Amino acid sequence: MKNLGKLAGIAIVSVAVLFLTACPPRENIARINRDPGRFAGKEITIAGRVTNSFGAMGSGAFEVDDGTGHLWVFSDGFGLPGRDARVAVTGRIEQGFSFRGHNFATILRETHRRHES
């Protein structure tokens, strides 16, 4: 029985470590805007308040402000959050992006369903 308890404890710790290391790092928007090339193609998470959005037919873009800066997020198939919603968004940084007549120097292309609080 003692060994079973130890094995269960080790299993729980191992799963927790794997889960935590699988999460992309959370970055502040000011760091991304200062050097977008450093983050290009990498999966990261940002969190903040939605300040603007537009789109139609299941895709669109929304702007997130985390208190350090603003960054546009392109969402295709994840829907759009409402203005002033607090969100955490995971995706990949892309540069030179164009959508429905709008040009963006740097965007985060959403890759996972976002969390809203």
C-alpha atoms as a PDB file:
ATOM      1  CA  MET A   1       0.000   0.000   0.000  1.00  0.00           C
ATOM      2  CA  LYS A   2       2.841   2.432   0.746  1.00  0.00           C
ATOM      3  CA  ASN A   3       4.276   1.842  -2.713  1.00  0.00           C
ATOM      4  CA  LEU A   4       0.883   2.421  -4.326  1.00  0.00           C
ATOM      5  CA  GLY A   5       0.615   5.815  -2.583  1.00  0.00           C
ATOM      6  CA  LYS A   6       4.119   6.780  -3.714  1.00  0.00           C
ATOM      7  CA  LEU A   7       3.384   5.728  -7.287  1.00  0.00           C
ATOM      8  CA  ALA A   8       0.148   7.728  -7.304  1.00  0.00           C
ATOM      9  CA  GLY A   9       1.995  10.787  -5.975  1.00  0.00           C
ATOM     10  CA  ILE A  10       4.719  10.457  -8.598  1.00  0.00           C
ATOM     11  CA  ALA A  11       2.121  10.044 -11.343  1.00  0.00           C
ATOM     12  CA  ILE A  12       0.232  13.160 -10.247  1.00  0.00           C
ATOM     13  CA  VAL A  13       3.407  15.251 -10.116  1.00  0.00           C
ATOM     14  CA  SER A  14       4.525  13.940 -13.523  1.00  0.00           C
ATOM     15  CA  VAL A  15       1.207  14.779 -15.175  1.00  0.00           C
ATOM     16  CA  ALA A  16       1.224  18.259 -13.591  1.00  0.00           C
ATOM     17  CA  VAL A  17       4.764  18.945 -14.873  1.00  0.00           C
ATOM     18  CA  LEU A  18       3.832  17.788 -18.392  1.00  0.00           C
ATOM     19  CA  PHE A  19       0.685  19.919 -18.374  1.00  0.00           C
ATOM     20  CA  LEU A  20       2.497  23.056 -17.219  1.00  0.00           C
ATOM     21  CA  THR A  21       5.373  22.688 -19.690  1.00  0.00           C
ATOM     22  CA  ALA A  22       2.939  22.202 -22.587  1.00  0.00           C
ATOM     23  CA  CYS A  23       1.361  25.654 -22.095  1.00  0.00           C
ATOM     24  CA  PRO A  24       2.802  28.374 -24.316  1.00  0.00           C
ATOM     25  CA  PRO A  25       4.464  31.221 -22.425  1.00  0.00           C
ATOM     26  CA  ARG A  26       2.431  34.342 -21.663  1.00  0.00           C
ATOM     27  CA  GLU A  27       4.041  37.471 -23.097  1.00  0.00           C
ATOM     28  CA  ASN A  28       3.301  41.126 -22.605  1.00  0.00           C
ATOM     29  CA  ILE A  29       2.345  43.020 -25.732  1.00  0.00           C
ATOM     30  CA  ALA A  30       5.022  45.717 -25.331  1.00  0.00           C
ATOM     31  CA  ARG A  31       7.730  43.039 -25.637  1.00  0.00           C
ATOM     32  CA  ILE A  32       6.112  41.633 -28.775  1.00  0.00           C
ATOM     33  CA  ASN A  33       5.751  45.083 -30.372  1.00  0.00           C
ATOM     34  CA  ARG A  34       9.373  45.994 -29.554  1.00  0.00           C
ATOM     35  CA  ASP A  35      10.762  42.948 -31.418  1.00  0.00           C
ATOM     36  CA  PRO A  36       8.077  41.080 -33.380  1.00  0.00           C
ATOM     37  CA  GLY A  37      10.667  39.151 -35.383  1.00  0.00           C
ATOM     38  CA  ARG A  38      11.808  37.419 -32.214  1.00  0.00           C
ATOM     39  CA  PHE A  39       8.301  35.988 -31.735  1.00  0.00           C
ATOM     40  CA  ALA A  40       7.438  35.350 -35.420  1.00  0.00           C
ATOM     41  CA  GLY A  41       6.049  31.842 -35.906  1.00  0.00           C
ATOM     42  CA  LYS A  42       6.159  31.038 -32.191  1.00  0.00           C
ATOM     43  CA  GLU A  43       3.077  30.066 -30.244  1.00  0.00           C
ATOM     44  CA  ILE A  44       2.460  32.418 -27.319  1.00  0.00           C
ATOM     45  CA  THR A  45      -0.377  33.578 -25.096  1.00  0.00           C
ATOM     46  CA  ILE A  46      -1.454  37.159 -24.412  1.00  0.00           C
ATOM     47  CA  ALA A  47      -4.139  38.349 -22.019  1.00  0.00           C
ATOM     48  CA  GLY A  48      -6.003  41.613 -21.676  1.00  0.00           C
ATOM     49  CA  ARG A  49      -9.129  43.600 -22.502  1.00  0.00           C
ATOM     50  CA  VAL A  50     -10.743  43.697 -25.956  1.00  0.00           C
ATOM     51  CA  THR A  51     -10.794  47.306 -27.199  1.00  0.00           C
ATOM     52  CA  ASN A  52     -11.989  46.899 -30.797  1.00  0.00           C
ATOM     53  CA  SER A  53     -13.249  44.183 -33.161  1.00  0.00           C
ATOM     54  CA  PHE A  54     -14.673  43.601 -36.642  1.00  0.00           C
ATOM     55  CA  GLY A  55     -15.520  40.615 -38.782  1.00  0.00           C
ATOM     56  CA  ALA A  56     -18.180  38.449 -40.366  1.00  0.00           C
ATOM     57  CA  MET A  57     -18.974  34.845 -41.252  1.00  0.00           C
ATOM     58  CA  GLY A  58     -16.994  33.302 -38.370  1.00  0.00           C
ATOM     59  CA  SER A  59     -13.735  35.156 -38.902  1.00  0.00           C
ATOM     60  CA  GLY A  60     -12.466  38.569 -37.927  1.00  0.00           C
ATOM     61  CA  ALA A  61      -9.986  40.519 -35.882  1.00  0.00           C
ATOM     62  CA  PHE A  62     -10.031  42.008 -32.410  1.00  0.00           C
ATOM     63  CA  GLU A  63      -7.602  44.254 -30.576  1.00  0.00           C
ATOM     64  CA  VAL A  64      -6.302  43.321 -27.120  1.00  0.00           C
ATOM     65  CA  ASP A  65      -4.834  45.801 -24.614  1.00  0.00           C
ATOM     66  CA  ASP A  66      -2.849  44.288 -21.739  1.00  0.00           C
ATOM     67  CA  GLY A  67      -1.853  47.598 -20.168  1.00  0.00           C
ATOM     68  CA  THR A  68       1.565  47.588 -21.886  1.00  0.00           C
ATOM     69  CA  GLY A  69       0.299  47.952 -25.465  1.00  0.00           C
ATOM     70  CA  HIS A  70      -2.193  46.858 -28.110  1.00  0.00           C
ATOM     71  CA  LEU A  71      -2.089  43.868 -30.468  1.00  0.00           C
ATOM     72  CA  TRP A  72      -4.581  42.701 -33.098  1.00  0.00           C
ATOM     73  CA  VAL A  73      -5.677  39.060 -33.015  1.00  0.00           C
ATOM     74  CA  PHE A  74      -6.978  37.284 -36.123  1.00  0.00           C
ATOM     75  CA  SER A  75      -9.642  34.702 -35.320  1.00  0.00           C
ATOM     76  CA  ASP A  76     -10.920  32.202 -37.886  1.00  0.00           C
ATOM     77  CA  GLY A  77     -13.583  29.843 -36.590  1.00  0.00           C
ATOM     78  CA  PHE A  78     -13.300  30.839 -32.912  1.00  0.00           C
ATOM     79  CA  GLY A  79     -15.808  33.705 -33.014  1.00  0.00           C
ATOM     80  CA  LEU A  80     -15.216  37.231 -31.758  1.00  0.00           C
ATOM     81  CA  PRO A  81     -15.333  38.428 -28.153  1.00  0.00           C
ATOM     82  CA  GLY A  82     -17.312  41.535 -27.244  1.00  0.00           C
ATOM     83  CA  ARG A  83     -15.797  44.921 -26.487  1.00  0.00           C
ATOM     84  CA  ASP A  84     -14.355  45.171 -22.942  1.00  0.00           C
ATOM     85  CA  ALA A  85     -14.251  41.357 -22.557  1.00  0.00           C
ATOM     86  CA  ARG A  86     -11.201  40.097 -20.675  1.00  0.00           C
ATOM     87  CA  VAL A  87      -9.517  37.336 -22.692  1.00  0.00           C
ATOM     88  CA  ALA A  88      -6.461  35.098 -22.790  1.00  0.00           C
ATOM     89  CA  VAL A  89      -5.560  34.209 -26.383  1.00  0.00           C
ATOM     90  CA  THR A  90      -3.055  31.653 -27.661  1.00  0.00           C
ATOM     91  CA  GLY A  91      -1.707  31.828 -31.188  1.00  0.00           C
ATOM     92  CA  ARG A  92       1.244  32.463 -33.486  1.00  0.00           C
ATOM     93  CA  ILE A  93       2.766  35.849 -34.254  1.00  0.00           C
ATOM     94  CA  GLU A  94       2.681  36.822 -37.939  1.00  0.00           C
ATOM     95  CA  GLN A  95       3.962  39.908 -39.714  1.00  0.00           C
ATOM     96  CA  GLY A  96       2.607  41.667 -42.797  1.00  0.00           C
ATOM     97  CA  PHE A  97      -0.967  40.381 -42.556  1.00  0.00           C
ATOM     98  CA  SER A  98      -3.942  41.650 -44.592  1.00  0.00           C
ATOM     99  CA  PHE A  99      -7.635  40.908 -43.918  1.00  0.00           C
ATOM    100  CA  ARG A 100     -10.705  42.398 -45.643  1.00  0.00           C
ATOM    101  CA  GLY A 101      -8.942  45.563 -46.765  1.00  0.00           C
ATOM    102  CA  HIS A 102      -7.136  46.138 -43.456  1.00  0.00           C
ATOM    103  CA  ASN A 103      -3.358  45.811 -43.253  1.00  0.00           C
ATOM    104  CA  PHE A 104      -1.649  44.817 -40.010  1.00  0.00           C
ATOM    105  CA  ALA A 105       2.092  44.994 -39.369  1.00  0.00           C
ATOM    106  CA  THR A 106       1.963  42.369 -36.597  1.00  0.00           C
ATOM    107  CA  ILE A 107      -0.899  40.107 -35.504  1.00  0.00           C
ATOM    108  CA  LEU A 108      -1.477  37.086 -33.334  1.00  0.00           C
ATOM    109  CA  ARG A 109      -3.263  34.363 -35.351  1.00  0.00           C
ATOM    110  CA  GLU A 110      -5.443  32.519 -32.846  1.00  0.00           C
ATOM    111  CA  THR A 111      -4.713  28.755 -32.767  1.00  0.00           C
ATOM    112  CA  HIS A 112      -6.642  27.606 -29.668  1.00  0.00           C
ATOM    113  CA  ARG A 113     -10.022  28.467 -28.250  1.00  0.00           C
ATOM    114  CA  ARG A 114      -9.607  31.538 -26.038  1.00  0.00           C
ATOM    115  CA  HIS A 115     -10.469  31.837 -22.370  1.00  0.00           C
ATOM    116  CA  GLU A 116     -12.700  34.688 -21.298  1.00  0.00           C
ATOM    117  CA  SER A 117     -13.024  35.945 -17.744  1.00  0.00           C
END
